[in-house]
């Protein structure tokens, strides 16, 4: 995924759990993204948060709402599982 270098990283899992679909991800604020990065102990928080937000708000292929909702449910569940395993 363009927004994250490592989908199993704590900040990626937190943000995927919070915003599992493209519409919700695009609504994440810099403050929310920065907070997740800080909790994960990352450096260059402002720079990384802006890069992540740009990627999440960039043009993406879309699916019908029912398909997007199904994928969002799957992403949220998988993010929760990975967070527990990490």
PDB file of N, CA and C in Angstrom:
ATOM      1  N   UNK A   1       0.843  -1.165   0.000  1.00  0.00           N
ATOM      2  CA  UNK A   1       0.000   0.000   0.000  1.00  0.00           C
ATOM      3  C   UNK A   1       0.895   1.237   0.000  1.00  0.00           C
ATOM      4  N   UNK A   2       0.514   2.204  -0.742  1.00  0.00           N
ATOM      5  CA  UNK A   2       1.325   3.413  -0.912  1.00  0.00           C
ATOM      6  C   UNK A   2       1.503   4.216   0.378  1.00  0.00           C
ATOM      7  N   UNK A   3       0.513   4.215   1.236  1.00  0.00           N
ATOM      8  CA  UNK A   3       0.551   5.059   2.431  1.00  0.00           C
ATOM      9  C   UNK A   3       1.502   4.534   3.500  1.00  0.00           C
ATOM     10  N   UNK A   4       1.707   3.225   3.557  1.00  0.00           N
ATOM     11  CA  UNK A   4       2.497   2.636   4.638  1.00  0.00           C
ATOM     12  C   UNK A   4       3.619   1.770   4.079  1.00  0.00           C
ATOM     13  N   UNK A   5       4.785   1.882   4.698  1.00  0.00           N
ATOM     14  CA  UNK A   5       5.908   1.039   4.302  1.00  0.00           C
ATOM     15  C   UNK A   5       5.709  -0.391   4.777  1.00  0.00           C
ATOM     16  N   UNK A   6       5.063  -0.539   5.919  1.00  0.00           N
ATOM     17  CA  UNK A   6       4.880  -1.851   6.541  1.00  0.00           C
ATOM     18  C   UNK A   6       3.465  -1.930   7.108  1.00  0.00           C
ATOM     19  N   UNK A   7       2.623  -2.741   6.497  1.00  0.00           N
ATOM     20  CA  UNK A   7       1.228  -2.840   6.941  1.00  0.00           C
ATOM     21  C   UNK A   7       1.082  -3.480   8.314  1.00  0.00           C
ATOM     22  N   UNK A   8       2.127  -4.128   8.809  1.00  0.00           N
ATOM     23  CA  UNK A   8       2.029  -4.721  10.144  1.00  0.00           C
ATOM     24  C   UNK A   8       2.575  -3.790  11.230  1.00  0.00           C
ATOM     25  N   UNK A   9       3.016  -2.594  10.840  1.00  0.00           N
ATOM     26  CA  UNK A   9       3.524  -1.622  11.818  1.00  0.00           C
ATOM     27  C   UNK A   9       2.374  -1.121  12.693  1.00  0.00           C
ATOM     28  N   UNK A  10       2.663  -0.800  13.948  1.00  0.00           N
ATOM     29  CA  UNK A  10       1.600  -0.375  14.870  1.00  0.00           C
ATOM     30  C   UNK A  10       0.761   0.795  14.354  1.00  0.00           C
ATOM     31  N   UNK A  11       1.411   1.804  13.753  1.00  0.00           N
ATOM     32  CA  UNK A  11       0.640   2.947  13.263  1.00  0.00           C
ATOM     33  C   UNK A  11      -0.254   2.575  12.086  1.00  0.00           C
ATOM     34  N   UNK A  12       0.213   1.685  11.219  1.00  0.00           N
ATOM     35  CA  UNK A  12      -0.605   1.249  10.091  1.00  0.00           C
ATOM     36  C   UNK A  12      -1.828   0.484  10.592  1.00  0.00           C
ATOM     37  N   UNK A  13      -1.616  -0.419  11.532  1.00  0.00           N
ATOM     38  CA  UNK A  13      -2.738  -1.197  12.069  1.00  0.00           C
ATOM     39  C   UNK A  13      -3.739  -0.305  12.786  1.00  0.00           C
ATOM     40  N   UNK A  14      -3.248   0.670  13.539  1.00  0.00           N
ATOM     41  CA  UNK A  14      -4.157   1.578  14.245  1.00  0.00           C
ATOM     42  C   UNK A  14      -5.002   2.386  13.259  1.00  0.00           C
ATOM     43  N   UNK A  15      -4.356   2.915  12.230  1.00  0.00           N
ATOM     44  CA  UNK A  15      -5.093   3.736  11.269  1.00  0.00           C
ATOM     45  C   UNK A  15      -6.017   2.894  10.394  1.00  0.00           C
ATOM     46  N   UNK A  16      -5.605   1.685  10.046  1.00  0.00           N
ATOM     47  CA  UNK A  16      -6.492   0.800   9.276  1.00  0.00           C
ATOM     48  C   UNK A  16      -7.707   0.392  10.101  1.00  0.00           C
ATOM     49  N   UNK A  17      -7.514   0.171  11.394  1.00  0.00           N
ATOM     50  CA  UNK A  17      -8.647  -0.172  12.254  1.00  0.00           C
ATOM     51  C   UNK A  17      -9.595   1.019  12.390  1.00  0.00           C
ATOM     52  N   UNK A  18      -9.039   2.210  12.466  1.00  0.00           N
ATOM     53  CA  UNK A  18      -9.845   3.423  12.621  1.00  0.00           C
ATOM     54  C   UNK A  18     -10.564   3.783  11.328  1.00  0.00           C
ATOM     55  N   UNK A  19      -9.902   3.543  10.196  1.00  0.00           N
ATOM     56  CA  UNK A  19     -10.447   3.941   8.898  1.00  0.00           C
ATOM     57  C   UNK A  19     -10.183   2.834   7.878  1.00  0.00           C
ATOM     58  N   UNK A  20     -11.008   1.784   7.892  1.00  0.00           N
ATOM     59  CA  UNK A  20     -10.735   0.625   7.051  1.00  0.00           C
ATOM     60  C   UNK A  20     -11.142   0.763   5.581  1.00  0.00           C
ATOM     61  N   UNK A  21     -11.863   1.825   5.236  1.00  0.00           N
ATOM     62  CA  UNK A  21     -12.264   1.997   3.844  1.00  0.00           C
ATOM     63  C   UNK A  21     -11.685   3.306   3.303  1.00  0.00           C
ATOM     64  N   UNK A  22     -11.566   3.432   1.987  1.00  0.00           N
ATOM     65  CA  UNK A  22     -10.934   4.614   1.403  1.00  0.00           C
ATOM     66  C   UNK A  22     -11.588   5.941   1.804  1.00  0.00           C
ATOM     67  N   UNK A  23     -12.893   5.981   1.916  1.00  0.00           N
ATOM     68  CA  UNK A  23     -13.567   7.235   2.284  1.00  0.00           C
ATOM     69  C   UNK A  23     -13.201   7.654   3.708  1.00  0.00           C
ATOM     70  N   UNK A  24     -13.216   6.710   4.626  1.00  0.00           N
ATOM     71  CA  UNK A  24     -12.851   7.013   6.012  1.00  0.00           C
ATOM     72  C   UNK A  24     -11.376   7.369   6.112  1.00  0.00           C
ATOM     73  N   UNK A  25     -10.537   6.674   5.369  1.00  0.00           N
ATOM     74  CA  UNK A  25      -9.100   6.962   5.392  1.00  0.00           C
ATOM     75  C   UNK A  25      -8.818   8.375   4.875  1.00  0.00           C
ATOM     76  N   UNK A  26      -9.536   8.785   3.857  1.00  0.00           N
ATOM     77  CA  UNK A  26      -9.346  10.134   3.304  1.00  0.00           C
ATOM     78  C   UNK A  26      -9.755  11.216   4.302  1.00  0.00           C
ATOM     79  N   UNK A  27     -10.614  10.888   5.241  1.00  0.00           N
ATOM     80  CA  UNK A  27     -11.068  11.860   6.249  1.00  0.00           C
ATOM     81  C   UNK A  27     -10.141  11.952   7.461  1.00  0.00           C
ATOM     82  N   UNK A  28      -9.147  11.072   7.559  1.00  0.00           N
ATOM     83  CA  UNK A  28      -8.216  11.142   8.690  1.00  0.00           C
ATOM     84  C   UNK A  28      -7.488  12.486   8.662  1.00  0.00           C
ATOM     85  N   UNK A  29      -7.400  13.111   9.814  1.00  0.00           N
ATOM     86  CA  UNK A  29      -6.729  14.400   9.906  1.00  0.00           C
ATOM     87  C   UNK A  29      -5.237  14.200  10.169  1.00  0.00           C
ATOM     88  N   UNK A  30      -4.478  15.255   9.923  1.00  0.00           N
ATOM     89  CA  UNK A  30      -3.049  15.195  10.243  1.00  0.00           C
ATOM     90  C   UNK A  30      -2.842  14.928  11.719  1.00  0.00           C
ATOM     91  N   UNK A  31      -3.695  15.481  12.552  1.00  0.00           N
ATOM     92  CA  UNK A  31      -3.589  15.269  14.001  1.00  0.00           C
ATOM     93  C   UNK A  31      -3.776  13.784  14.344  1.00  0.00           C
ATOM     94  N   UNK A  32      -4.771  13.138  13.746  1.00  0.00           N
ATOM     95  CA  UNK A  32      -5.020  11.723  14.022  1.00  0.00           C
ATOM     96  C   UNK A  32      -3.845  10.863  13.542  1.00  0.00           C
ATOM     97  N   UNK A  33      -3.357  11.162  12.351  1.00  0.00           N
ATOM     98  CA  UNK A  33      -2.242  10.395  11.798  1.00  0.00           C
ATOM     99  C   UNK A  33      -0.987  10.620  12.641  1.00  0.00           C
ATOM    100  N   UNK A  34      -0.724  11.871  12.998  1.00  0.00           N
ATOM    101  CA  UNK A  34       0.450  12.194  13.816  1.00  0.00           C
ATOM    102  C   UNK A  34       0.391  11.503  15.170  1.00  0.00           C
ATOM    103  N   UNK A  35      -0.783  11.471  15.767  1.00  0.00           N
ATOM    104  CA  UNK A  35      -0.932  10.816  17.075  1.00  0.00           C
ATOM    105  C   UNK A  35      -0.597   9.332  16.976  1.00  0.00           C
ATOM    106  N   UNK A  36      -1.056   8.680  15.927  1.00  0.00           N
ATOM    107  CA  UNK A  36      -0.750   7.259  15.742  1.00  0.00           C
ATOM    108  C   UNK A  36       0.748   7.055  15.554  1.00  0.00           C
ATOM    109  N   UNK A  37       1.385   7.936  14.795  1.00  0.00           N
ATOM    110  CA  UNK A  37       2.830   7.840  14.584  1.00  0.00           C
ATOM    111  C   UNK A  37       3.595   8.044  15.885  1.00  0.00           C
ATOM    112  N   UNK A  38       3.155   9.004  16.692  1.00  0.00           N
ATOM    113  CA  UNK A  38       3.824   9.256  17.979  1.00  0.00           C
ATOM    114  C   UNK A  38       3.670   8.074  18.916  1.00  0.00           C
ATOM    115  N   UNK A  39       2.462   7.490  18.979  1.00  0.00           N
ATOM    116  CA  UNK A  39       2.248   6.324  19.846  1.00  0.00           C
ATOM    117  C   UNK A  39       3.128   5.149  19.424  1.00  0.00           C
ATOM    118  N   UNK A  40       3.434   5.095  18.119  1.00  0.00           N
ATOM    119  CA  UNK A  40       4.283   4.016  17.608  1.00  0.00           C
ATOM    120  C   UNK A  40       5.768   4.339  17.766  1.00  0.00           C
ATOM    121  N   UNK A  41       6.086   5.538  18.304  1.00  0.00           N
ATOM    122  CA  UNK A  41       7.470   5.907  18.537  1.00  0.00           C
ATOM    123  C   UNK A  41       8.231   6.291  17.280  1.00  0.00           C
ATOM    124  N   UNK A  42       7.537   6.775  16.274  1.00  0.00           N
ATOM    125  CA  UNK A  42       8.191   7.145  15.016  1.00  0.00           C
ATOM    126  C   UNK A  42       8.819   8.532  15.111  1.00  0.00           C
ATOM    127  N   UNK A  43       9.761   8.773  14.255  1.00  0.00           N
ATOM    128  CA  UNK A  43      10.403  10.075  14.162  1.00  0.00           C
ATOM    129  C   UNK A  43       9.951  10.753  12.869  1.00  0.00           C
ATOM    130  N   UNK A  44      10.289  12.019  12.698  1.00  0.00           N
ATOM    131  CA  UNK A  44       9.856  12.810  11.534  1.00  0.00           C
ATOM    132  C   UNK A  44       8.344  12.704  11.368  1.00  0.00           C
ATOM    133  N   UNK A  45       7.629  12.897  12.465  1.00  0.00           N
ATOM    134  CA  UNK A  45       6.184  12.679  12.507  1.00  0.00           C
ATOM    135  C   UNK A  45       5.446  13.573  11.520  1.00  0.00           C
ATOM    136  N   UNK A  46       5.746  14.860  11.499  1.00  0.00           N
ATOM    137  CA  UNK A  46       5.020  15.783  10.624  1.00  0.00           C
ATOM    138  C   UNK A  46       5.193  15.393   9.158  1.00  0.00           C
ATOM    139  N   UNK A  47       6.424  15.090   8.779  1.00  0.00           N
ATOM    140  CA  UNK A  47       6.710  14.707   7.391  1.00  0.00           C
ATOM    141  C   UNK A  47       5.987  13.412   7.010  1.00  0.00           C
ATOM    142  N   UNK A  48       6.068  12.432   7.888  1.00  0.00           N
ATOM    143  CA  UNK A  48       5.406  11.149   7.613  1.00  0.00           C
ATOM    144  C   UNK A  48       3.894  11.292   7.579  1.00  0.00           C
ATOM    145  N   UNK A  49       3.341  12.085   8.490  1.00  0.00           N
ATOM    146  CA  UNK A  49       1.887  12.267   8.537  1.00  0.00           C
ATOM    147  C   UNK A  49       1.387  12.910   7.249  1.00  0.00           C
ATOM    148  N   UNK A  50       2.102  13.891   6.759  1.00  0.00           N
ATOM    149  CA  UNK A  50       1.699  14.536   5.507  1.00  0.00           C
ATOM    150  C   UNK A  50       1.773  13.571   4.336  1.00  0.00           C
ATOM    151  N   UNK A  51       2.816  12.748   4.294  1.00  0.00           N
ATOM    152  CA  UNK A  51       2.959  11.770   3.208  1.00  0.00           C
ATOM    153  C   UNK A  51       1.826  10.744   3.244  1.00  0.00           C
ATOM    154  N   UNK A  52       1.521  10.268   4.446  1.00  0.00           N
ATOM    155  CA  UNK A  52       0.443   9.291   4.598  1.00  0.00           C
ATOM    156  C   UNK A  52      -0.886   9.915   4.189  1.00  0.00           C
ATOM    157  N   UNK A  53      -1.148  11.137   4.651  1.00  0.00           N
ATOM    158  CA  UNK A  53      -2.414  11.784   4.316  1.00  0.00           C
ATOM    159  C   UNK A  53      -2.545  12.002   2.812  1.00  0.00           C
ATOM    160  N   UNK A  54      -1.468  12.426   2.155  1.00  0.00           N
ATOM    161  CA  UNK A  54      -1.509  12.608   0.697  1.00  0.00           C
ATOM    162  C   UNK A  54      -1.860  11.296   0.005  1.00  0.00           C
ATOM    163  N   UNK A  55      -1.237  10.220   0.450  1.00  0.00           N
ATOM    164  CA  UNK A  55      -1.508   8.920  -0.161  1.00  0.00           C
ATOM    165  C   UNK A  55      -2.954   8.491   0.064  1.00  0.00           C
ATOM    166  N   UNK A  56      -3.464   8.717   1.279  1.00  0.00           N
ATOM    167  CA  UNK A  56      -4.833   8.304   1.588  1.00  0.00           C
ATOM    168  C   UNK A  56      -5.872   9.160   0.873  1.00  0.00           C
ATOM    169  N   UNK A  57      -5.510  10.381   0.521  1.00  0.00           N
ATOM    170  CA  UNK A  57      -6.442  11.279  -0.161  1.00  0.00           C
ATOM    171  C   UNK A  57      -6.247  11.301  -1.674  1.00  0.00           C
ATOM    172  N   UNK A  58      -5.261  10.570  -2.150  1.00  0.00           N
ATOM    173  CA  UNK A  58      -4.984  10.531  -3.580  1.00  0.00           C
ATOM    174  C   UNK A  58      -6.055   9.767  -4.337  1.00  0.00           C
ATOM    175  N   UNK A  59      -5.995   9.883  -5.643  1.00  0.00           N
ATOM    176  CA  UNK A  59      -6.959   9.200  -6.495  1.00  0.00           C
ATOM    177  C   UNK A  59      -6.778   7.684  -6.374  1.00  0.00           C
ATOM    178  N   UNK A  60      -7.896   7.002  -6.188  1.00  0.00           N
ATOM    179  CA  UNK A  60      -7.867   5.555  -6.037  1.00  0.00           C
ATOM    180  C   UNK A  60      -8.979   4.945  -6.878  1.00  0.00           C
ATOM    181  N   UNK A  61      -8.776   3.711  -7.232  1.00  0.00           N
ATOM    182  CA  UNK A  61      -9.845   2.993  -7.914  1.00  0.00           C
ATOM    183  C   UNK A  61     -10.980   2.775  -6.917  1.00  0.00           C
ATOM    184  N   UNK A  62     -12.194   2.853  -7.373  1.00  0.00           N
ATOM    185  CA  UNK A  62     -13.328   2.702  -6.463  1.00  0.00           C
ATOM    186  C   UNK A  62     -14.101   1.430  -6.784  1.00  0.00           C
ATOM    187  N   UNK A  63     -14.846   0.996  -5.806  1.00  0.00           N
ATOM    188  CA  UNK A  63     -15.711  -0.173  -5.916  1.00  0.00           C
ATOM    189  C   UNK A  63     -17.129   0.260  -5.578  1.00  0.00           C
ATOM    190  N   UNK A  64     -18.119  -0.522  -5.964  1.00  0.00           N
ATOM    191  CA  UNK A  64     -19.477  -0.219  -5.530  1.00  0.00           C
ATOM    192  C   UNK A  64     -19.533  -0.207  -3.998  1.00  0.00           C
ATOM    193  N   UNK A  65     -20.409   0.601  -3.411  1.00  0.00           N
ATOM    194  CA  UNK A  65     -20.459   0.726  -1.947  1.00  0.00           C
ATOM    195  C   UNK A  65     -20.550  -0.604  -1.206  1.00  0.00           C
ATOM    196  N   UNK A  66     -21.322  -1.539  -1.702  1.00  0.00           N
ATOM    197  CA  UNK A  66     -21.465  -2.815  -0.994  1.00  0.00           C
ATOM    198  C   UNK A  66     -20.136  -3.574  -0.969  1.00  0.00           C
ATOM    199  N   UNK A  67     -19.373  -3.489  -2.042  1.00  0.00           N
ATOM    200  CA  UNK A  67     -18.067  -4.155  -2.096  1.00  0.00           C
ATOM    201  C   UNK A  67     -17.081  -3.432  -1.171  1.00  0.00           C
ATOM    202  N   UNK A  68     -17.087  -2.098  -1.207  1.00  0.00           N
ATOM    203  CA  UNK A  68     -16.202  -1.319  -0.327  1.00  0.00           C
ATOM    204  C   UNK A  68     -16.507  -1.615   1.137  1.00  0.00           C
ATOM    205  N   UNK A  69     -17.784  -1.733   1.485  1.00  0.00           N
ATOM    206  CA  UNK A  69     -18.166  -2.051   2.864  1.00  0.00           C
ATOM    207  C   UNK A  69     -17.672  -3.433   3.276  1.00  0.00           C
ATOM    208  N   UNK A  70     -17.772  -4.392   2.371  1.00  0.00           N
ATOM    209  CA  UNK A  70     -17.304  -5.748   2.673  1.00  0.00           C
ATOM    210  C   UNK A  70     -15.796  -5.764   2.888  1.00  0.00           C
ATOM    211  N   UNK A  71     -15.066  -5.079   2.017  1.00  0.00           N
ATOM    212  CA  UNK A  71     -13.613  -5.002   2.185  1.00  0.00           C
ATOM    213  C   UNK A  71     -13.259  -4.271   3.476  1.00  0.00           C
ATOM    214  N   UNK A  72     -13.994  -3.222   3.803  1.00  0.00           N
ATOM    215  CA  UNK A  72     -13.729  -2.473   5.035  1.00  0.00           C
ATOM    216  C   UNK A  72     -13.896  -3.367   6.257  1.00  0.00           C
ATOM    217  N   UNK A  73     -14.920  -4.201   6.254  1.00  0.00           N
ATOM    218  CA  UNK A  73     -15.125  -5.134   7.364  1.00  0.00           C
ATOM    219  C   UNK A  73     -13.963  -6.119   7.473  1.00  0.00           C
ATOM    220  N   UNK A  74     -13.518  -6.606   6.335  1.00  0.00           N
ATOM    221  CA  UNK A  74     -12.396  -7.548   6.335  1.00  0.00           C
ATOM    222  C   UNK A  74     -11.114  -6.874   6.818  1.00  0.00           C
ATOM    223  N   UNK A  75     -10.857  -5.657   6.373  1.00  0.00           N
ATOM    224  CA  UNK A  75      -9.652  -4.926   6.788  1.00  0.00           C
ATOM    225  C   UNK A  75      -9.680  -4.660   8.288  1.00  0.00           C
ATOM    226  N   UNK A  76     -10.825  -4.220   8.805  1.00  0.00           N
ATOM    227  CA  UNK A  76     -10.937  -3.948  10.243  1.00  0.00           C
ATOM    228  C   UNK A  76     -10.678  -5.209  11.054  1.00  0.00           C
ATOM    229  N   UNK A  77     -11.235  -6.327  10.624  1.00  0.00           N
ATOM    230  CA  UNK A  77     -11.040  -7.588  11.342  1.00  0.00           C
ATOM    231  C   UNK A  77      -9.584  -8.033  11.284  1.00  0.00           C
ATOM    232  N   UNK A  78      -8.971  -7.938  10.110  1.00  0.00           N
ATOM    233  CA  UNK A  78      -7.576  -8.359   9.978  1.00  0.00           C
ATOM    234  C   UNK A  78      -6.640  -7.437  10.763  1.00  0.00           C
ATOM    235  N   UNK A  79      -6.931  -6.146  10.780  1.00  0.00           N
ATOM    236  CA  UNK A  79      -6.111  -5.213  11.545  1.00  0.00           C
ATOM    237  C   UNK A  79      -6.191  -5.539  13.034  1.00  0.00           C
ATOM    238  N   UNK A  80      -7.383  -5.892  13.518  1.00  0.00           N
ATOM    239  CA  UNK A  80      -7.550  -6.249  14.922  1.00  0.00           C
ATOM    240  C   UNK A  80      -6.773  -7.523  15.261  1.00  0.00           C
ATOM    241  N   UNK A  81      -6.814  -8.493  14.384  1.00  0.00           N
ATOM    242  CA  UNK A  81      -6.085  -9.749  14.601  1.00  0.00           C
ATOM    243  C   UNK A  81      -4.580  -9.483  14.646  1.00  0.00           C
ATOM    244  N   UNK A  82      -4.082  -8.714  13.674  1.00  0.00           N
ATOM    245  CA  UNK A  82      -2.650  -8.424  13.630  1.00  0.00           C
ATOM    246  C   UNK A  82      -2.194  -7.609  14.837  1.00  0.00           C
ATOM    247  N   UNK A  83      -3.040  -6.702  15.293  1.00  0.00           N
ATOM    248  CA  UNK A  83      -2.690  -5.896  16.475  1.00  0.00           C
ATOM    249  C   UNK A  83      -2.531  -6.791  17.705  1.00  0.00           C
ATOM    250  N   UNK A  84      -3.372  -7.785  17.834  1.00  0.00           N
ATOM    251  CA  UNK A  84      -3.269  -8.713  18.954  1.00  0.00           C
ATOM    252  C   UNK A  84      -2.029  -9.576  18.837  1.00  0.00           C
ATOM    253  N   UNK A  85      -1.719 -10.018  17.630  1.00  0.00           N
ATOM    254  CA  UNK A  85      -0.568 -10.883  17.415  1.00  0.00           C
ATOM    255  C   UNK A  85       0.757 -10.148  17.569  1.00  0.00           C
ATOM    256  N   UNK A  86       0.752  -8.852  17.297  1.00  0.00           N
ATOM    257  CA  UNK A  86       1.992  -8.080  17.439  1.00  0.00           C
ATOM    258  C   UNK A  86       2.223  -7.827  18.899  1.00  0.00           C
TER     259      UNK A  86
END
